[in-house]
PDB file of N, CA and C in Angstrom:
ATOM      1  N   UNK A   1      14.776  -4.235  -4.877  1.00  0.00           N
ATOM      2  CA  UNK A   1      14.360  -4.111  -3.504  1.00  0.00           C
ATOM      3  C   UNK A   1      12.860  -4.303  -3.446  1.00  0.00           C
ATOM      4  N   UNK A   2      12.365  -5.012  -2.442  1.00  0.00           N
ATOM      5  CA  UNK A   2      10.930  -5.098  -2.225  1.00  0.00           C
ATOM      6  C   UNK A   2      10.656  -5.100  -0.734  1.00  0.00           C
ATOM      7  N   UNK A   3       9.506  -4.630  -0.395  1.00  0.00           N
ATOM      8  CA  UNK A   3       9.063  -4.588   0.990  1.00  0.00           C
ATOM      9  C   UNK A   3       7.572  -4.892   1.021  1.00  0.00           C
ATOM     10  N   UNK A   4       7.123  -5.666   1.984  1.00  0.00           N
ATOM     11  CA  UNK A   4       5.694  -5.864   2.225  1.00  0.00           C
ATOM     12  C   UNK A   4       5.405  -5.290   3.601  1.00  0.00           C
ATOM     13  N   UNK A   5       4.395  -4.462   3.685  1.00  0.00           N
ATOM     14  CA  UNK A   5       4.120  -3.759   4.930  1.00  0.00           C
ATOM     15  C   UNK A   5       2.660  -3.874   5.317  1.00  0.00           C
ATOM     16  N   UNK A   6       2.430  -3.908   6.629  1.00  0.00           N
ATOM     17  CA  UNK A   6       1.091  -3.821   7.206  1.00  0.00           C
ATOM     18  C   UNK A   6       1.107  -2.682   8.218  1.00  0.00           C
ATOM     19  N   UNK A   7      -0.070  -2.279   8.667  1.00  0.00           N
ATOM     20  CA  UNK A   7      -0.199  -1.183   9.620  1.00  0.00           C
ATOM     21  C   UNK A   7       0.291  -1.590  11.011  1.00  0.00           C
ATOM     22  N   UNK A   8       0.694  -0.592  11.790  1.00  0.00           N
ATOM     23  CA  UNK A   8       1.055  -0.834  13.187  1.00  0.00           C
ATOM     24  C   UNK A   8      -0.172  -0.749  14.088  1.00  0.00           C
ATOM     25  N   UNK A   9      -1.059   0.214  13.812  1.00  0.00           N
ATOM     26  CA  UNK A   9      -2.268   0.396  14.611  1.00  0.00           C
ATOM     27  C   UNK A   9      -3.401  -0.364  13.942  1.00  0.00           C
ATOM     28  N   UNK A  10      -3.660  -1.563  14.434  1.00  0.00           N
ATOM     29  CA  UNK A  10      -4.654  -2.434  13.818  1.00  0.00           C
ATOM     30  C   UNK A  10      -6.067  -2.159  14.322  1.00  0.00           C
ATOM     31  N   UNK A  11      -6.240  -1.104  15.118  1.00  0.00           N
ATOM     32  CA  UNK A  11      -7.580  -0.742  15.570  1.00  0.00           C
ATOM     33  C   UNK A  11      -8.291   0.123  14.540  1.00  0.00           C
ATOM     34  N   UNK A  12      -7.558   0.642  13.570  1.00  0.00           N
ATOM     35  CA  UNK A  12      -8.155   1.494  12.543  1.00  0.00           C
ATOM     36  C   UNK A  12      -8.810   0.651  11.454  1.00  0.00           C
ATOM     37  N   UNK A  13      -9.723   1.276  10.722  1.00  0.00           N
ATOM     38  CA  UNK A  13     -10.354   0.625   9.579  1.00  0.00           C
ATOM     39  C   UNK A  13      -9.383   0.511   8.421  1.00  0.00           C
ATOM     40  N   UNK A  14      -9.871  -0.020   7.311  1.00  0.00           N
ATOM     41  CA  UNK A  14      -8.990  -0.266   6.170  1.00  0.00           C
ATOM     42  C   UNK A  14      -8.408   1.031   5.599  1.00  0.00           C
ATOM     43  N   UNK A  15      -9.167   2.106   5.591  1.00  0.00           N
ATOM     44  CA  UNK A  15      -8.599   3.358   5.073  1.00  0.00           C
ATOM     45  C   UNK A  15      -7.461   3.834   5.966  1.00  0.00           C
ATOM     46  N   UNK A  16      -7.658   3.829   7.284  1.00  0.00           N
ATOM     47  CA  UNK A  16      -6.602   4.240   8.207  1.00  0.00           C
ATOM     48  C   UNK A  16      -5.388   3.337   8.124  1.00  0.00           C
ATOM     49  N   UNK A  17      -5.612   2.026   8.027  1.00  0.00           N
ATOM     50  CA  UNK A  17      -4.480   1.104   7.904  1.00  0.00           C
ATOM     51  C   UNK A  17      -3.757   1.314   6.577  1.00  0.00           C
ATOM     52  N   UNK A  18      -4.493   1.552   5.510  1.00  0.00           N
ATOM     53  CA  UNK A  18      -3.850   1.805   4.215  1.00  0.00           C
ATOM     54  C   UNK A  18      -2.997   3.065   4.294  1.00  0.00           C
ATOM     55  N   UNK A  19      -3.523   4.108   4.908  1.00  0.00           N
ATOM     56  CA  UNK A  19      -2.752   5.357   5.044  1.00  0.00           C
ATOM     57  C   UNK A  19      -1.479   5.127   5.843  1.00  0.00           C
ATOM     58  N   UNK A  20      -1.548   4.308   6.905  1.00  0.00           N
ATOM     59  CA  UNK A  20      -0.341   3.992   7.686  1.00  0.00           C
ATOM     60  C   UNK A  20       0.699   3.294   6.817  1.00  0.00           C
ATOM     61  N   UNK A  21       0.256   2.311   6.057  1.00  0.00           N
ATOM     62  CA  UNK A  21       1.178   1.549   5.214  1.00  0.00           C
ATOM     63  C   UNK A  21       1.782   2.453   4.143  1.00  0.00           C
ATOM     64  N   UNK A  22       0.985   3.324   3.568  1.00  0.00           N
ATOM     65  CA  UNK A  22       1.498   4.212   2.528  1.00  0.00           C
ATOM     66  C   UNK A  22       2.551   5.173   3.090  1.00  0.00           C
ATOM     67  N   UNK A  23       2.397   5.617   4.333  1.00  0.00           N
ATOM     68  CA  UNK A  23       3.429   6.455   4.964  1.00  0.00           C
ATOM     69  C   UNK A  23       4.716   5.663   5.130  1.00  0.00           C
ATOM     70  N   UNK A  24       4.612   4.397   5.514  1.00  0.00           N
ATOM     71  CA  UNK A  24       5.804   3.546   5.625  1.00  0.00           C
ATOM     72  C   UNK A  24       6.491   3.406   4.263  1.00  0.00           C
ATOM     73  N   UNK A  25       5.680   3.215   3.227  1.00  0.00           N
ATOM     74  CA  UNK A  25       6.233   3.062   1.880  1.00  0.00           C
ATOM     75  C   UNK A  25       6.937   4.338   1.448  1.00  0.00           C
ATOM     76  N   UNK A  26       6.339   5.492   1.731  1.00  0.00           N
ATOM     77  CA  UNK A  26       7.001   6.768   1.413  1.00  0.00           C
ATOM     78  C   UNK A  26       8.382   6.833   2.052  1.00  0.00           C
ATOM     79  N   UNK A  27       8.485   6.442   3.309  1.00  0.00           N
ATOM     80  CA  UNK A  27       9.765   6.487   4.027  1.00  0.00           C
ATOM     81  C   UNK A  27      10.776   5.521   3.414  1.00  0.00           C
ATOM     82  N   UNK A  28      10.324   4.329   3.060  1.00  0.00           N
ATOM     83  CA  UNK A  28      11.218   3.338   2.452  1.00  0.00           C
ATOM     84  C   UNK A  28      11.712   3.826   1.095  1.00  0.00           C
ATOM     85  N   UNK A  29      10.787   4.365   0.287  1.00  0.00           N
ATOM     86  CA  UNK A  29      11.183   4.879  -1.029  1.00  0.00           C
ATOM     87  C   UNK A  29      12.195   6.011  -0.894  1.00  0.00           C
ATOM     88  N   UNK A  30      11.949   6.924   0.032  1.00  0.00           N
ATOM     89  CA  UNK A  30      12.866   8.051   0.233  1.00  0.00           C
ATOM     90  C   UNK A  30      14.242   7.557   0.670  1.00  0.00           C
ATOM     91  N   UNK A  31      14.268   6.599   1.583  1.00  0.00           N
ATOM     92  CA  UNK A  31      15.547   6.066   2.070  1.00  0.00           C
ATOM     93  C   UNK A  31      16.327   5.373   0.956  1.00  0.00           C
ATOM     94  N   UNK A  32      15.606   4.817  -0.018  1.00  0.00           N
ATOM     95  CA  UNK A  32      16.255   4.126  -1.131  1.00  0.00           C
ATOM     96  C   UNK A  32      16.579   5.070  -2.291  1.00  0.00           C
ATOM     97  N   UNK A  33      16.245   6.360  -2.129  1.00  0.00           N
ATOM     98  CA  UNK A  33      16.574   7.329  -3.161  1.00  0.00           C
ATOM     99  C   UNK A  33      15.526   7.463  -4.257  1.00  0.00           C
ATOM    100  N   UNK A  34      14.354   6.918  -4.034  1.00  0.00           N
ATOM    101  CA  UNK A  34      13.278   7.052  -5.011  1.00  0.00           C
ATOM    102  C   UNK A  34      12.444   8.276  -4.667  1.00  0.00           C
ATOM    103  N   UNK A  35      11.978   8.963  -5.679  1.00  0.00           N
ATOM    104  CA  UNK A  35      11.225  10.192  -5.470  1.00  0.00           C
ATOM    105  C   UNK A  35       9.776   9.939  -5.082  1.00  0.00           C
ATOM    106  N   UNK A  36       9.161   8.938  -5.663  1.00  0.00           N
ATOM    107  CA  UNK A  36       7.731   8.728  -5.471  1.00  0.00           C
ATOM    108  C   UNK A  36       7.359   7.315  -5.880  1.00  0.00           C
ATOM    109  N   UNK A  37       6.123   6.933  -5.610  1.00  0.00           N
ATOM    110  CA  UNK A  37       5.670   5.582  -5.939  1.00  0.00           C
ATOM    111  C   UNK A  37       5.749   5.310  -7.441  1.00  0.00           C
ATOM    112  N   UNK A  38       5.631   6.342  -8.246  1.00  0.00           N
ATOM    113  CA  UNK A  38       5.699   6.146  -9.691  1.00  0.00           C
ATOM    114  C   UNK A  38       7.066   5.617 -10.137  1.00  0.00           C
ATOM    115  N   UNK A  39       8.079   5.705  -9.258  1.00  0.00           N
ATOM    116  CA  UNK A  39       9.397   5.146  -9.554  1.00  0.00           C
ATOM    117  C   UNK A  39       9.426   3.630  -9.353  1.00  0.00           C
ATOM    118  N   UNK A  40       8.399   3.081  -8.750  1.00  0.00           N
ATOM    119  CA  UNK A  40       8.400   1.653  -8.471  1.00  0.00           C
ATOM    120  C   UNK A  40       8.033   0.862  -9.719  1.00  0.00           C
ATOM    121  N   UNK A  41       8.387  -0.394  -9.684  1.00  0.00           N
ATOM    122  CA  UNK A  41       8.157  -1.281 -10.811  1.00  0.00           C
ATOM    123  C   UNK A  41       6.824  -2.004 -10.666  1.00  0.00           C
ATOM    124  N   UNK A  42       6.461  -2.347  -9.419  1.00  0.00           N
ATOM    125  CA  UNK A  42       5.263  -3.150  -9.205  1.00  0.00           C
ATOM    126  C   UNK A  42       4.747  -2.920  -7.793  1.00  0.00           C
ATOM    127  N   UNK A  43       3.426  -2.945  -7.662  1.00  0.00           N
ATOM    128  CA  UNK A  43       2.789  -2.908  -6.353  1.00  0.00           C
ATOM    129  C   UNK A  43       1.765  -4.033  -6.305  1.00  0.00           C
ATOM    130  N   UNK A  44       1.668  -4.652  -5.139  1.00  0.00           N
ATOM    131  CA  UNK A  44       0.640  -5.664  -4.916  1.00  0.00           C
ATOM    132  C   UNK A  44      -0.068  -5.304  -3.629  1.00  0.00           C
ATOM    133  N   UNK A  45      -1.376  -5.226  -3.693  1.00  0.00           N
ATOM    134  CA  UNK A  45      -2.177  -4.890  -2.523  1.00  0.00           C
ATOM    135  C   UNK A  45      -3.030  -6.103  -2.193  1.00  0.00           C
ATOM    136  N   UNK A  46      -2.918  -6.581  -0.977  1.00  0.00           N
ATOM    137  CA  UNK A  46      -3.744  -7.689  -0.511  1.00  0.00           C
ATOM    138  C   UNK A  46      -4.699  -7.179   0.555  1.00  0.00           C
ATOM    139  N   UNK A  47      -5.978  -7.495   0.399  1.00  0.00           N
ATOM    140  CA  UNK A  47      -6.973  -7.052   1.367  1.00  0.00           C
ATOM    141  C   UNK A  47      -8.265  -7.814   1.153  1.00  0.00           C
ATOM    142  N   UNK A  48      -9.209  -7.617   2.069  1.00  0.00           N
ATOM    143  CA  UNK A  48     -10.546  -8.162   1.925  1.00  0.00           C
ATOM    144  C   UNK A  48     -11.230  -7.352   0.826  1.00  0.00           C
ATOM    145  N   UNK A  49     -11.615  -7.974  -0.234  1.00  0.00           N
ATOM    146  CA  UNK A  49     -12.125  -7.278  -1.413  1.00  0.00           C
ATOM    147  C   UNK A  49     -13.368  -6.447  -1.090  1.00  0.00           C
ATOM    148  N   UNK A  50     -14.070  -6.776  -0.025  1.00  0.00           N
ATOM    149  CA  UNK A  50     -15.244  -5.989   0.371  1.00  0.00           C
ATOM    150  C   UNK A  50     -14.849  -4.589   0.828  1.00  0.00           C
ATOM    151  N   UNK A  51     -13.571  -4.376   1.156  1.00  0.00           N
ATOM    152  CA  UNK A  51     -13.076  -3.073   1.603  1.00  0.00           C
ATOM    153  C   UNK A  51     -12.407  -2.297   0.470  1.00  0.00           C
ATOM    154  N   UNK A  52     -12.630  -2.705  -0.759  1.00  0.00           N
ATOM    155  CA  UNK A  52     -11.935  -2.129  -1.912  1.00  0.00           C
ATOM    156  C   UNK A  52     -12.119  -0.613  -2.018  1.00  0.00           C
ATOM    157  N   UNK A  53     -13.331  -0.125  -1.830  1.00  0.00           N
ATOM    158  CA  UNK A  53     -13.582   1.306  -1.996  1.00  0.00           C
ATOM    159  C   UNK A  53     -12.801   2.146  -0.994  1.00  0.00           C
ATOM    160  N   UNK A  54     -12.768   1.711   0.266  1.00  0.00           N
ATOM    161  CA  UNK A  54     -12.014   2.457   1.292  1.00  0.00           C
ATOM    162  C   UNK A  54     -10.521   2.415   1.016  1.00  0.00           C
ATOM    163  N   UNK A  55     -10.019   1.245   0.618  1.00  0.00           N
ATOM    164  CA  UNK A  55      -8.598   1.135   0.300  1.00  0.00           C
ATOM    165  C   UNK A  55      -8.263   2.010  -0.896  1.00  0.00           C
ATOM    166  N   UNK A  56      -9.100   1.985  -1.928  1.00  0.00           N
ATOM    167  CA  UNK A  56      -8.859   2.804  -3.115  1.00  0.00           C
ATOM    168  C   UNK A  56      -8.909   4.293  -2.800  1.00  0.00           C
ATOM    169  N   UNK A  57      -9.770   4.713  -1.891  1.00  0.00           N
ATOM    170  CA  UNK A  57      -9.843   6.128  -1.513  1.00  0.00           C
ATOM    171  C   UNK A  57      -8.511   6.592  -0.933  1.00  0.00           C
ATOM    172  N   UNK A  58      -7.920   5.780  -0.063  1.00  0.00           N
ATOM    173  CA  UNK A  58      -6.615   6.129   0.514  1.00  0.00           C
ATOM    174  C   UNK A  58      -5.532   6.104  -0.561  1.00  0.00           C
ATOM    175  N   UNK A  59      -5.553   5.100  -1.423  1.00  0.00           N
ATOM    176  CA  UNK A  59      -4.546   4.950  -2.477  1.00  0.00           C
ATOM    177  C   UNK A  59      -4.577   6.135  -3.436  1.00  0.00           C
ATOM    178  N   UNK A  60      -5.764   6.509  -3.925  1.00  0.00           N
ATOM    179  CA  UNK A  60      -5.834   7.576  -4.911  1.00  0.00           C
ATOM    180  C   UNK A  60      -5.575   8.950  -4.293  1.00  0.00           C
ATOM    181  N   UNK A  61      -5.841   9.105  -2.999  1.00  0.00           N
ATOM    182  CA  UNK A  61      -5.486  10.365  -2.324  1.00  0.00           C
ATOM    183  C   UNK A  61      -3.973  10.489  -2.180  1.00  0.00           C
ATOM    184  N   UNK A  62      -3.284   9.370  -2.125  1.00  0.00           N
ATOM    185  CA  UNK A  62      -1.836   9.336  -1.910  1.00  0.00           C
ATOM    186  C   UNK A  62      -1.063   9.462  -3.214  1.00  0.00           C
ATOM    187  N   UNK A  63      -1.485   8.739  -4.240  1.00  0.00           N
ATOM    188  CA  UNK A  63      -0.753   8.720  -5.508  1.00  0.00           C
ATOM    189  C   UNK A  63      -1.185   9.892  -6.388  1.00  0.00           C
ATOM    190  N   UNK A  64      -0.380  10.188  -7.379  1.00  0.00           N
ATOM    191  CA  UNK A  64      -0.705  11.230  -8.351  1.00  0.00           C
ATOM    192  C   UNK A  64      -1.841  10.717  -9.232  1.00  0.00           C
ATOM    193  N   UNK A  65      -3.032  11.321  -9.146  1.00  0.00           N
ATOM    194  CA  UNK A  65      -4.171  10.795  -9.910  1.00  0.00           C
ATOM    195  C   UNK A  65      -3.955  10.838 -11.423  1.00  0.00           C
ATOM    196  N   UNK A  66      -3.077  11.699 -11.892  1.00  0.00           N
ATOM    197  CA  UNK A  66      -2.798  11.776 -13.321  1.00  0.00           C
ATOM    198  C   UNK A  66      -1.783  10.723 -13.762  1.00  0.00           C
ATOM    199  N   UNK A  67      -1.150  10.071 -12.800  1.00  0.00           N
ATOM    200  CA  UNK A  67      -0.093   9.116 -13.114  1.00  0.00           C
ATOM    201  C   UNK A  67      -0.152   7.942 -12.137  1.00  0.00           C
ATOM    202  N   UNK A  68      -1.326   7.342 -12.000  1.00  0.00           N
ATOM    203  CA  UNK A  68      -1.463   6.225 -11.059  1.00  0.00           C
ATOM    204  C   UNK A  68      -0.600   5.050 -11.497  1.00  0.00           C
ATOM    205  N   UNK A  69       0.187   4.511 -10.574  1.00  0.00           N
ATOM    206  CA  UNK A  69       1.019   3.355 -10.926  1.00  0.00           C
ATOM    207  C   UNK A  69       0.154   2.107 -11.111  1.00  0.00           C
ATOM    208  N   UNK A  70       0.603   1.222 -11.982  1.00  0.00           N
ATOM    209  CA  UNK A  70      -0.087  -0.054 -12.154  1.00  0.00           C
ATOM    210  C   UNK A  70       0.069  -0.862 -10.874  1.00  0.00           C
ATOM    211  N   UNK A  71      -0.973  -1.598 -10.542  1.00  0.00           N
ATOM    212  CA  UNK A  71      -0.887  -2.425  -9.341  1.00  0.00           C
ATOM    213  C   UNK A  71      -1.782  -3.633  -9.498  1.00  0.00           C
ATOM    214  N   UNK A  72      -1.481  -4.657  -8.745  1.00  0.00           N
ATOM    215  CA  UNK A  72      -2.351  -5.824  -8.665  1.00  0.00           C
ATOM    216  C   UNK A  72      -3.024  -5.762  -7.297  1.00  0.00           C
ATOM    217  N   UNK A  73      -4.325  -5.887  -7.295  1.00  0.00           N
ATOM    218  CA  UNK A  73      -5.076  -5.912  -6.047  1.00  0.00           C
ATOM    219  C   UNK A  73      -5.722  -7.282  -5.952  1.00  0.00           C
ATOM    220  N   UNK A  74      -5.385  -7.998  -4.898  1.00  0.00           N
ATOM    221  CA  UNK A  74      -5.875  -9.365  -4.743  1.00  0.00           C
ATOM    222  C   UNK A  74      -6.557  -9.522  -3.396  1.00  0.00           C
ATOM    223  N   UNK A  75      -7.525 -10.411  -3.366  1.00  0.00           N
ATOM    224  CA  UNK A  75      -8.150 -10.724  -2.080  1.00  0.00           C
ATOM    225  C   UNK A  75      -7.172 -11.590  -1.302  1.00  0.00           C
ATOM    226  N   UNK A  76      -6.984 -11.240  -0.042  1.00  0.00           N
ATOM    227  CA  UNK A  76      -6.021 -11.974   0.774  1.00  0.00           C
ATOM    228  C   UNK A  76      -6.530 -12.118   2.196  1.00  0.00           C
ATOM    229  N   UNK A  77      -6.336 -13.281   2.750  1.00  0.00           N
ATOM    230  CA  UNK A  77      -6.598 -13.504   4.164  1.00  0.00           C
ATOM    231  C   UNK A  77      -5.249 -13.331   4.852  1.00  0.00           C
ATOM    232  N   UNK A  78      -5.120 -12.268   5.632  1.00  0.00           N
ATOM    233  CA  UNK A  78      -3.834 -11.958   6.248  1.00  0.00           C
ATOM    234  C   UNK A  78      -3.659 -12.747   7.538  1.00  0.00           C
ATOM    235  N   UNK A  79      -2.431 -12.807   8.030  1.00  0.00           N
ATOM    236  CA  UNK A  79      -2.077 -13.656   9.163  1.00  0.00           C
ATOM    237  C   UNK A  79      -2.845 -13.313  10.439  1.00  0.00           C
ATOM    238  N   UNK A  80      -3.149 -12.053  10.634  1.00  0.00           N
ATOM    239  CA  UNK A  80      -3.868 -11.591  11.821  1.00  0.00           C
ATOM    240  C   UNK A  80      -5.198 -11.015  11.329  1.00  0.00           C
ATOM    241  N   UNK A  81      -6.326 -11.468  11.839  1.00  0.00           N
ATOM    242  CA  UNK A  81      -7.615 -10.974  11.335  1.00  0.00           C
ATOM    243  C   UNK A  81      -7.823  -9.473  11.532  1.00  0.00           C
ATOM    244  N   UNK A  82      -7.033  -8.844  12.379  1.00  0.00           N
ATOM    245  CA  UNK A  82      -7.125  -7.383  12.555  1.00  0.00           C
ATOM    246  C   UNK A  82      -6.420  -6.645  11.418  1.00  0.00           C
ATOM    247  N   UNK A  83      -5.533  -7.322  10.706  1.00  0.00           N
ATOM    248  CA  UNK A  83      -4.843  -6.721   9.562  1.00  0.00           C
ATOM    249  C   UNK A  83      -5.809  -6.666   8.391  1.00  0.00           C
ATOM    250  N   UNK A  84      -6.021  -5.476   7.867  1.00  0.00           N
ATOM    251  CA  UNK A  84      -7.009  -5.298   6.807  1.00  0.00           C
ATOM    252  C   UNK A  84      -6.388  -5.055   5.442  1.00  0.00           C
ATOM    253  N   UNK A  85      -5.090  -4.741   5.407  1.00  0.00           N
ATOM    254  CA  UNK A  85      -4.433  -4.492   4.123  1.00  0.00           C
ATOM    255  C   UNK A  85      -2.939  -4.754   4.258  1.00  0.00           C
ATOM    256  N   UNK A  86      -2.363  -5.293   3.201  1.00  0.00           N
ATOM    257  CA  UNK A  86      -0.913  -5.466   3.093  1.00  0.00           C
ATOM    258  C   UNK A  86      -0.526  -4.971   1.712  1.00  0.00           C
ATOM    259  N   UNK A  87       0.537  -4.163   1.664  1.00  0.00           N
ATOM    260  CA  UNK A  87       0.982  -3.647   0.381  1.00  0.00           C
ATOM    261  C   UNK A  87       2.452  -3.998   0.189  1.00  0.00           C
ATOM    262  N   UNK A  88       2.766  -4.533  -0.979  1.00  0.00           N
ATOM    263  CA  UNK A  88       4.141  -4.860  -1.332  1.00  0.00           C
ATOM    264  C   UNK A  88       4.527  -3.988  -2.523  1.00  0.00           C
ATOM    265  N   UNK A  89       5.687  -3.365  -2.429  1.00  0.00           N
ATOM    266  CA  UNK A  89       6.194  -2.517  -3.493  1.00  0.00           C
ATOM    267  C   UNK A  89       7.563  -3.039  -3.920  1.00  0.00           C
ATOM    268  N   UNK A  90       7.769  -3.122  -5.204  1.00  0.00           N
ATOM    269  CA  UNK A  90       9.062  -3.539  -5.756  1.00  0.00           C
ATOM    270  C   UNK A  90       9.643  -2.384  -6.550  1.00  0.00           C
ATOM    271  N   UNK A  91      10.908  -2.055  -6.263  1.00  0.00           N
ATOM    272  CA  UNK A  91      11.610  -0.989  -6.975  1.00  0.00           C
ATOM    273  C   UNK A  91      12.917  -1.524  -7.526  1.00  0.00           C
ATOM    274  N   UNK A  92      13.305  -1.020  -8.660  1.00  0.00           N
ATOM    275  CA  UNK A  92      14.619  -1.334  -9.216  1.00  0.00           C
ATOM    276  C   UNK A  92      15.624  -0.364  -8.637  1.00  0.00           C
ATOM    277  N   UNK A  93      16.831  -0.847  -8.365  1.00  0.00           N
ATOM    278  CA  UNK A  93      17.862   0.029  -7.842  1.00  0.00           C
ATOM    279  C   UNK A  93      18.884   0.342  -8.898  1.00  0.00           C
TER     280      UNK A  93
END
């Protein structure tokens, strides 16, 4: 299973948008029977690399700092210039 998500409220900065996306991911993982992000196989984060620190602040506040999942973070130009981050998570079922 994989899902790519962006924020619904695009008026927020990258940290707020990242937090929105992470809440969506939590709901998707729970619905699929996964306990936490550490159960996932892969994560890909696309964003403007200049916003890396704000995105990382939201990510590390959300994930277990002692068990951060591996992820690829790439610079991405998203379809709507108001979109500041897109996160894709892949889980095995």
